[in-house]
Amino acid sequence: MENISFTSALRPATLNDFGRITKQIGSKNAVNYPWTINETVKAKDVYTTGIIDCSGCLITNGQDAVLMHLTPDNEHNHAFSLVLDLLRNKLDLKDSNLQAILVGSKNHKKSLDIYNKFKNLLEQIGIPYSELKNGKSPTSIAYVTSKDEVVVTNKNIDKMLRKEASSKEALESGFEKISIADCDEIAE
């Protein structure tokens, strides 16, 4: 899947900016509590909030996006055969334009189980992905298809952006680990 024909931009945003973006997207395209496989959303623009020990996974082909936000507290979320079935129903997994971003997790067994299962699944399918691991505060993400942009915020990012830090510095302040795929870039 190295033939990606577009580049997604990861854009850190202030909490207020994120609020404006999600207001435009609308609540019907939000992945909300109880954060199970059943709340997965497929739409042009999607968002979720409050990723702490959960794992959020956004997969897009540049036309549509599928967003999952899975809590480690629900046993069904650990059954990745269900996640694979859901993805097969929502996406053409052979589409060479698929790319993903994986957000969240904490360093405890149940949380890492889901996060690592997402990583293994994306690698098994051959979908390149960026990682924003172990948010330092509750994290929210949105995807806006028209800009092919993943908007990311949390209190740490917000604080750094208000201090006029660079996008990269702001993003790095929000997570313990950041890994940007070749098919992605950090927006300035």
Protein backbone atom coordinates (compact mmCIF):
# COMPACT_ATOMS: atom_id res chain seq x y z
CA MET A 1 0.00 0.00 0.00
CA GLU A 2 2.88 2.37 -0.67
CA ASN A 3 1.03 3.94 -3.62
CA ILE A 4 -0.79 6.54 -1.52
CA SER A 5 -1.83 9.39 -3.79
CA PHE A 6 -2.40 11.99 -1.10
CA THR A 7 -0.88 13.17 2.16
CA SER A 8 -2.85 13.70 5.33
CA ALA A 9 -1.88 16.62 7.50
CA LEU A 10 -1.87 16.23 11.28
CA ARG A 11 -2.83 19.61 12.69
CA PRO A 12 -2.67 20.39 16.38
CA ALA A 13 -5.45 22.78 17.37
CA THR A 14 -6.52 24.82 20.36
CA LEU A 15 -9.51 23.54 22.29
CA ASN A 16 -11.61 26.46 20.96
CA ASP A 17 -10.60 25.79 17.35
CA PHE A 18 -11.46 22.10 17.78
CA GLY A 19 -14.87 23.09 19.16
CA ARG A 20 -15.60 25.20 16.07
CA ILE A 21 -14.58 22.34 13.77
CA THR A 22 -16.74 19.74 15.56
CA LYS A 23 -19.71 22.12 15.55
CA GLN A 24 -19.46 22.20 11.75
CA ILE A 25 -19.14 18.41 11.56
CA GLY A 26 -22.23 17.86 13.74
CA SER A 27 -22.98 15.37 16.50
CA LYS A 28 -24.31 12.64 14.19
CA ASN A 29 -20.75 12.05 12.95
CA ALA A 30 -19.26 11.82 16.46
CA VAL A 31 -18.08 8.62 18.12
CA ASN A 32 -19.45 8.93 21.66
CA TYR A 33 -19.65 6.99 24.91
CA PRO A 34 -19.88 4.03 25.58
CA TRP A 35 -16.98 3.80 23.08
CA THR A 36 -17.55 0.34 21.68
CA ILE A 37 -17.33 -1.13 18.20
CA ASN A 38 -21.05 -0.32 17.80
CA GLU A 39 -20.41 3.45 17.96
CA THR A 40 -18.00 3.37 14.99
CA VAL A 41 -18.81 6.10 12.45
CA LYS A 42 -18.15 6.25 8.71
CA ALA A 43 -18.58 9.67 7.11
CA LYS A 44 -16.68 12.35 5.20
CA ASP A 45 -15.98 14.23 8.44
CA VAL A 46 -15.82 12.53 11.87
CA TYR A 47 -14.64 13.23 15.40
CA THR A 48 -14.33 11.85 18.91
CA THR A 49 -13.38 13.33 22.26
CA GLY A 50 -12.04 12.08 25.58
CA ILE A 51 -9.43 9.54 24.46
CA ILE A 52 -7.58 8.70 27.68
CA ASP A 53 -6.81 4.99 28.16
CA CYS A 54 -8.97 4.18 25.12
CA SER A 55 -7.59 3.71 21.63
CA GLY A 56 -8.88 5.77 18.74
CA CYS A 57 -8.25 4.61 15.18
CA LEU A 58 -9.09 6.67 12.12
CA ILE A 59 -8.80 5.06 8.69
CA THR A 60 -9.36 7.08 5.52
CA ASN A 61 -8.93 6.80 1.78
CA GLY A 62 -9.21 10.57 1.31
CA GLN A 63 -12.92 10.31 0.41
CA ASP A 64 -14.47 8.84 3.56
CA ALA A 65 -13.24 8.08 7.05
CA VAL A 66 -13.99 5.34 9.55
CA LEU A 67 -13.41 6.31 13.17
CA MET A 68 -13.35 3.91 16.11
CA HIS A 69 -12.91 4.82 19.77
CA LEU A 70 -12.62 1.69 21.90
CA THR A 71 -12.52 1.62 25.69
CA PRO A 72 -10.43 -1.12 27.30
CA ASP A 73 -13.17 -1.61 29.91
CA ASN A 74 -15.50 -3.40 27.46
CA GLU A 75 -14.48 -7.03 26.80
CA HIS A 76 -16.06 -7.05 23.30
CA ASN A 77 -13.61 -4.31 22.25
CA HIS A 78 -10.75 -6.77 22.73
CA ALA A 79 -12.22 -9.17 20.11
CA PHE A 80 -10.41 -7.94 17.02
CA SER A 81 -12.12 -10.44 14.74
CA LEU A 82 -15.15 -8.15 15.26
CA VAL A 83 -13.08 -5.07 14.40
CA LEU A 84 -11.81 -6.73 11.22
CA ASP A 85 -15.37 -7.72 10.22
CA LEU A 86 -16.54 -4.16 10.80
CA LEU A 87 -13.72 -2.73 8.68
CA ARG A 88 -14.45 -5.20 5.87
CA ASN A 89 -18.07 -4.01 5.88
CA LYS A 90 -17.15 -0.30 5.89
CA LEU A 91 -14.04 -0.16 3.69
CA ASP A 92 -12.39 -1.79 0.71
CA LEU A 93 -9.36 -3.11 2.57
CA LYS A 94 -7.54 -3.59 -0.76
CA ASP A 95 -7.79 0.17 -1.51
CA SER A 96 -4.17 1.33 -1.95
CA ASN A 97 -5.12 4.82 -0.68
CA LEU A 98 -5.99 3.68 2.85
CA GLN A 99 -4.01 5.25 5.64
CA ALA A 100 -4.62 5.52 9.37
CA ILE A 101 -3.84 7.31 12.59
CA LEU A 102 -3.78 5.53 15.93
CA VAL A 103 -4.30 7.64 19.07
CA GLY A 104 -4.37 6.91 22.76
CA SER A 105 -3.59 4.13 25.19
CA LYS A 106 -1.98 4.13 28.60
CA ASN A 107 0.72 1.86 29.93
CA HIS A 108 -1.51 -0.79 31.46
CA LYS A 109 -2.38 -4.25 30.21
CA LYS A 110 -5.99 -3.80 29.03
CA SER A 111 -5.29 -0.48 27.38
CA LEU A 112 -2.15 -1.68 25.60
CA ASP A 113 -3.97 -4.83 24.46
CA ILE A 114 -6.37 -2.86 22.25
CA TYR A 115 -3.71 -0.41 21.06
CA ASN A 116 -1.33 -3.21 20.08
CA LYS A 117 -4.12 -5.16 18.40
CA PHE A 118 -4.87 -2.08 16.28
CA LYS A 119 -1.17 -1.82 15.35
CA ASN A 120 -0.99 -5.52 14.44
CA LEU A 121 -4.20 -5.32 12.39
CA LEU A 122 -3.04 -2.25 10.44
CA GLU A 123 0.31 -3.91 9.74
CA GLN A 124 -1.35 -7.19 8.76
CA ILE A 125 -3.66 -5.43 6.30
CA GLY A 126 -0.80 -3.22 5.08
CA ILE A 127 -2.27 0.16 6.02
CA PRO A 128 0.39 2.77 6.83
CA TYR A 129 -0.34 4.66 10.03
CA SER A 130 0.86 7.46 12.27
CA GLU A 131 0.86 7.08 16.06
CA LEU A 132 0.05 9.53 18.81
CA LYS A 133 0.54 7.34 21.86
CA ASN A 134 -0.15 7.96 25.55
CA GLY A 135 -1.81 11.36 25.55
CA LYS A 136 -0.70 13.49 28.49
CA SER A 137 -4.30 14.71 28.90
CA PRO A 138 -7.66 13.61 27.41
CA THR A 139 -7.31 13.87 23.63
CA SER A 140 -9.80 14.69 20.88
CA ILE A 141 -9.39 14.06 17.16
CA ALA A 142 -11.37 15.03 14.07
CA TYR A 143 -10.97 14.31 10.37
CA VAL A 144 -12.00 16.84 7.71
CA THR A 145 -12.03 15.25 4.24
CA SER A 146 -12.08 18.50 2.24
CA LYS A 147 -8.72 19.45 3.79
CA ASP A 148 -7.51 15.84 4.27
CA GLU A 149 -6.64 16.96 7.77
CA VAL A 150 -6.58 15.18 11.11
CA VAL A 151 -7.15 17.78 13.81
CA VAL A 152 -5.76 16.86 17.23
CA THR A 153 -6.13 18.61 20.58
CA ASN A 154 -5.70 18.19 24.29
CA LYS A 155 -4.90 20.59 27.16
CA ASN A 156 -1.14 20.26 26.63
CA ILE A 157 -1.41 21.03 22.91
CA ASP A 158 -3.75 23.94 23.60
CA LYS A 159 -1.31 25.42 26.15
CA MET A 160 1.65 25.15 23.77
CA LEU A 161 -0.23 26.68 20.83
CA ARG A 162 -1.28 29.62 22.99
CA LYS A 163 2.43 30.10 23.77
CA GLU A 164 2.96 30.23 19.97
CA ALA A 165 4.94 26.98 19.83
CA SER A 166 5.38 25.30 16.46
CA SER A 167 2.88 22.66 15.40
CA LYS A 168 5.49 19.94 15.92
CA GLU A 169 6.35 21.19 19.42
CA ALA A 170 2.66 21.41 20.32
CA LEU A 171 1.99 17.88 19.08
CA GLU A 172 5.03 16.51 20.89
CA SER A 173 3.92 18.18 24.13
CA GLY A 174 0.65 16.26 24.05
CA PHE A 175 1.94 12.67 23.81
CA GLU A 176 4.66 10.40 25.15
CA LYS A 177 5.33 8.95 21.68
CA ILE A 178 4.76 10.33 18.20
CA SER A 179 5.48 8.46 14.99
CA ILE A 180 4.52 10.08 11.68
CA ALA A 181 4.01 7.80 8.67
CA ASP A 182 5.64 8.66 5.35
CA CYS A 183 2.17 9.38 3.95
CA ASP A 184 1.47 12.02 6.63
CA GLU A 185 2.92 15.36 7.64
CA ILE A 186 2.53 17.79 10.49
CA ALA A 187 0.68 20.90 9.28
CA GLU A 188 2.23 24.25 10.10
